[in-house]
Structure formats: C-alpha cells, structure tokens
Amino acid sequence: MTIDERLLRIETWRTRFIAQGIDAIDAFALEYPTADKRELKRLVQQAQAISHRHGTARRLLRYLRALDDAR
C-alpha cells in the first residue's frame, strides 16, 4: 500500500468519526482491534465539540496514524 493510499484511509476514518461520532468506533475496532475505544471516544468527542479548531482533529489523525503504523 502506498503512502497516499494509507493517508487517504486514515483521513477517511477521521472524517467518518467526526461525521458519525461514536457510532463509527465499533466498525473501526473491527479493523483495528488494538484501538483503545475509550481514548478514541474521547478524541472523537473533542473533535466534534471543537470542530473549528484543527488541533483536536490533528490529535485524532495522529492517533489513527499510530494505530495504522502498529498494524
């Protein structure tokens, strides 16, 4: 998988989390079983609450990228 494909997959998950919220966490956990659901829920809620701030969305992206790296 190329870097562009990987980044696209991660960005797609982040967008899905912000749009669907915690409903998307279970689907994500099936693909990434090592994900900390509690941490993910916290990051998603923060990203949704302050969607106008890019820092929180960036933290969510970094977390997703780290999970993808560990995979």
C-alpha atoms as a PDB file:
ATOM      1  CA  MET A   1       0.000   0.000   0.000  1.00  0.00           C
ATOM      2  CA  THR A   2       1.381   3.400  -0.928  1.00  0.00           C
ATOM      3  CA  ILE A   3       1.702   6.277   1.493  1.00  0.00           C
ATOM      4  CA  ASP A   4      -1.050   8.160  -0.353  1.00  0.00           C
ATOM      5  CA  GLU A   5      -3.456   5.217  -0.036  1.00  0.00           C
ATOM      6  CA  ARG A   6      -2.630   4.875   3.648  1.00  0.00           C
ATOM      7  CA  LEU A   7      -3.164   8.573   4.336  1.00  0.00           C
ATOM      8  CA  LEU A   8      -6.429   8.503   2.415  1.00  0.00           C
ATOM      9  CA  ARG A   9      -7.656   5.570   4.532  1.00  0.00           C
ATOM     10  CA  ILE A  10      -6.723   7.379   7.765  1.00  0.00           C
ATOM     11  CA  GLU A  11      -8.297  10.662   6.622  1.00  0.00           C
ATOM     12  CA  THR A  12     -11.460   8.777   5.654  1.00  0.00           C
ATOM     13  CA  TRP A  13     -11.723   7.308   9.152  1.00  0.00           C
ATOM     14  CA  ARG A  14     -11.178  10.711  10.759  1.00  0.00           C
ATOM     15  CA  THR A  15     -13.875  12.261   8.587  1.00  0.00           C
ATOM     16  CA  ARG A  16     -16.218   9.378   9.397  1.00  0.00           C
ATOM     17  CA  PHE A  17     -15.590   9.772  13.134  1.00  0.00           C
ATOM     18  CA  ILE A  18     -16.321  13.487  13.063  1.00  0.00           C
ATOM     19  CA  ALA A  19     -19.486  12.933  10.991  1.00  0.00           C
ATOM     20  CA  GLN A  20     -20.844   9.806  12.737  1.00  0.00           C
ATOM     21  CA  GLY A  21     -19.314  10.117  16.188  1.00  0.00           C
ATOM     22  CA  ILE A  22     -19.065   7.140  18.460  1.00  0.00           C
ATOM     23  CA  ASP A  23     -21.219   5.036  16.150  1.00  0.00           C
ATOM     24  CA  ALA A  24     -18.171   4.584  13.919  1.00  0.00           C
ATOM     25  CA  ILE A  25     -15.933   3.330  16.755  1.00  0.00           C
ATOM     26  CA  ASP A  26     -17.220  -0.262  16.721  1.00  0.00           C
ATOM     27  CA  ALA A  27     -16.643  -0.535  12.974  1.00  0.00           C
ATOM     28  CA  PHE A  28     -13.147   0.866  13.434  1.00  0.00           C
ATOM     29  CA  ALA A  29     -12.404  -1.558  16.272  1.00  0.00           C
ATOM     30  CA  LEU A  30     -13.150  -4.494  13.971  1.00  0.00           C
ATOM     31  CA  GLU A  31     -10.397  -3.326  11.638  1.00  0.00           C
ATOM     32  CA  TYR A  32      -8.061  -2.137  14.412  1.00  0.00           C
ATOM     33  CA  PRO A  33      -8.604  -4.455  17.399  1.00  0.00           C
ATOM     34  CA  THR A  34      -5.745  -2.861  19.388  1.00  0.00           C
ATOM     35  CA  ALA A  35      -7.512   0.513  19.406  1.00  0.00           C
ATOM     36  CA  ASP A  36      -8.279   1.941  22.829  1.00  0.00           C
ATOM     37  CA  LYS A  37     -12.015   2.600  22.482  1.00  0.00           C
ATOM     38  CA  ARG A  38     -12.091   4.896  25.492  1.00  0.00           C
ATOM     39  CA  GLU A  39      -9.281   7.079  24.119  1.00  0.00           C
ATOM     40  CA  LEU A  40     -10.830   7.048  20.673  1.00  0.00           C
ATOM     41  CA  LYS A  41     -14.209   8.081  22.082  1.00  0.00           C
ATOM     42  CA  ARG A  42     -12.572  10.956  23.968  1.00  0.00           C
ATOM     43  CA  LEU A  43     -10.724  12.173  20.863  1.00  0.00           C
ATOM     44  CA  VAL A  44     -13.825  11.886  18.674  1.00  0.00           C
ATOM     45  CA  GLN A  45     -15.975  13.810  21.159  1.00  0.00           C
ATOM     46  CA  GLN A  46     -13.346  16.537  21.420  1.00  0.00           C
ATOM     47  CA  ALA A  47     -13.003  16.764  17.648  1.00  0.00           C
ATOM     48  CA  GLN A  48     -16.781  17.084  17.282  1.00  0.00           C
ATOM     49  CA  ALA A  49     -17.137  19.633  20.086  1.00  0.00           C
ATOM     50  CA  ILE A  50     -14.442  21.910  18.768  1.00  0.00           C
ATOM     51  CA  SER A  51     -14.536  21.150  15.071  1.00  0.00           C
ATOM     52  CA  HIS A  52     -13.464  24.708  14.280  1.00  0.00           C
ATOM     53  CA  ARG A  53     -10.105  24.048  15.949  1.00  0.00           C
ATOM     54  CA  HIS A  54      -7.721  21.996  13.895  1.00  0.00           C
ATOM     55  CA  GLY A  55      -5.593  20.843  16.844  1.00  0.00           C
ATOM     56  CA  THR A  56      -8.096  18.303  18.119  1.00  0.00           C
ATOM     57  CA  ALA A  57      -8.721  16.858  14.659  1.00  0.00           C
ATOM     58  CA  ARG A  58      -4.940  16.636  14.243  1.00  0.00           C
ATOM     59  CA  ARG A  59      -4.615  14.721  17.523  1.00  0.00           C
ATOM     60  CA  LEU A  60      -7.256  12.281  16.276  1.00  0.00           C
ATOM     61  CA  LEU A  61      -5.363  11.908  12.998  1.00  0.00           C
ATOM     62  CA  ARG A  62      -2.070  11.247  14.833  1.00  0.00           C
ATOM     63  CA  TYR A  63      -3.764   8.582  16.972  1.00  0.00           C
ATOM     64  CA  LEU A  64      -5.227   6.872  13.901  1.00  0.00           C
ATOM     65  CA  ARG A  65      -1.869   7.032  12.115  1.00  0.00           C
ATOM     66  CA  ALA A  66      -0.124   5.446  15.123  1.00  0.00           C
ATOM     67  CA  LEU A  67      -2.653   2.605  15.147  1.00  0.00           C
ATOM     68  CA  ASP A  68      -2.148   2.092  11.443  1.00  0.00           C
ATOM     69  CA  ASP A  69       1.643   2.020  11.924  1.00  0.00           C
ATOM     70  CA  ALA A  70       1.323  -0.633  14.618  1.00  0.00           C
ATOM     71  CA  ARG A  71      -0.814  -2.810  12.404  1.00  0.00           C
END
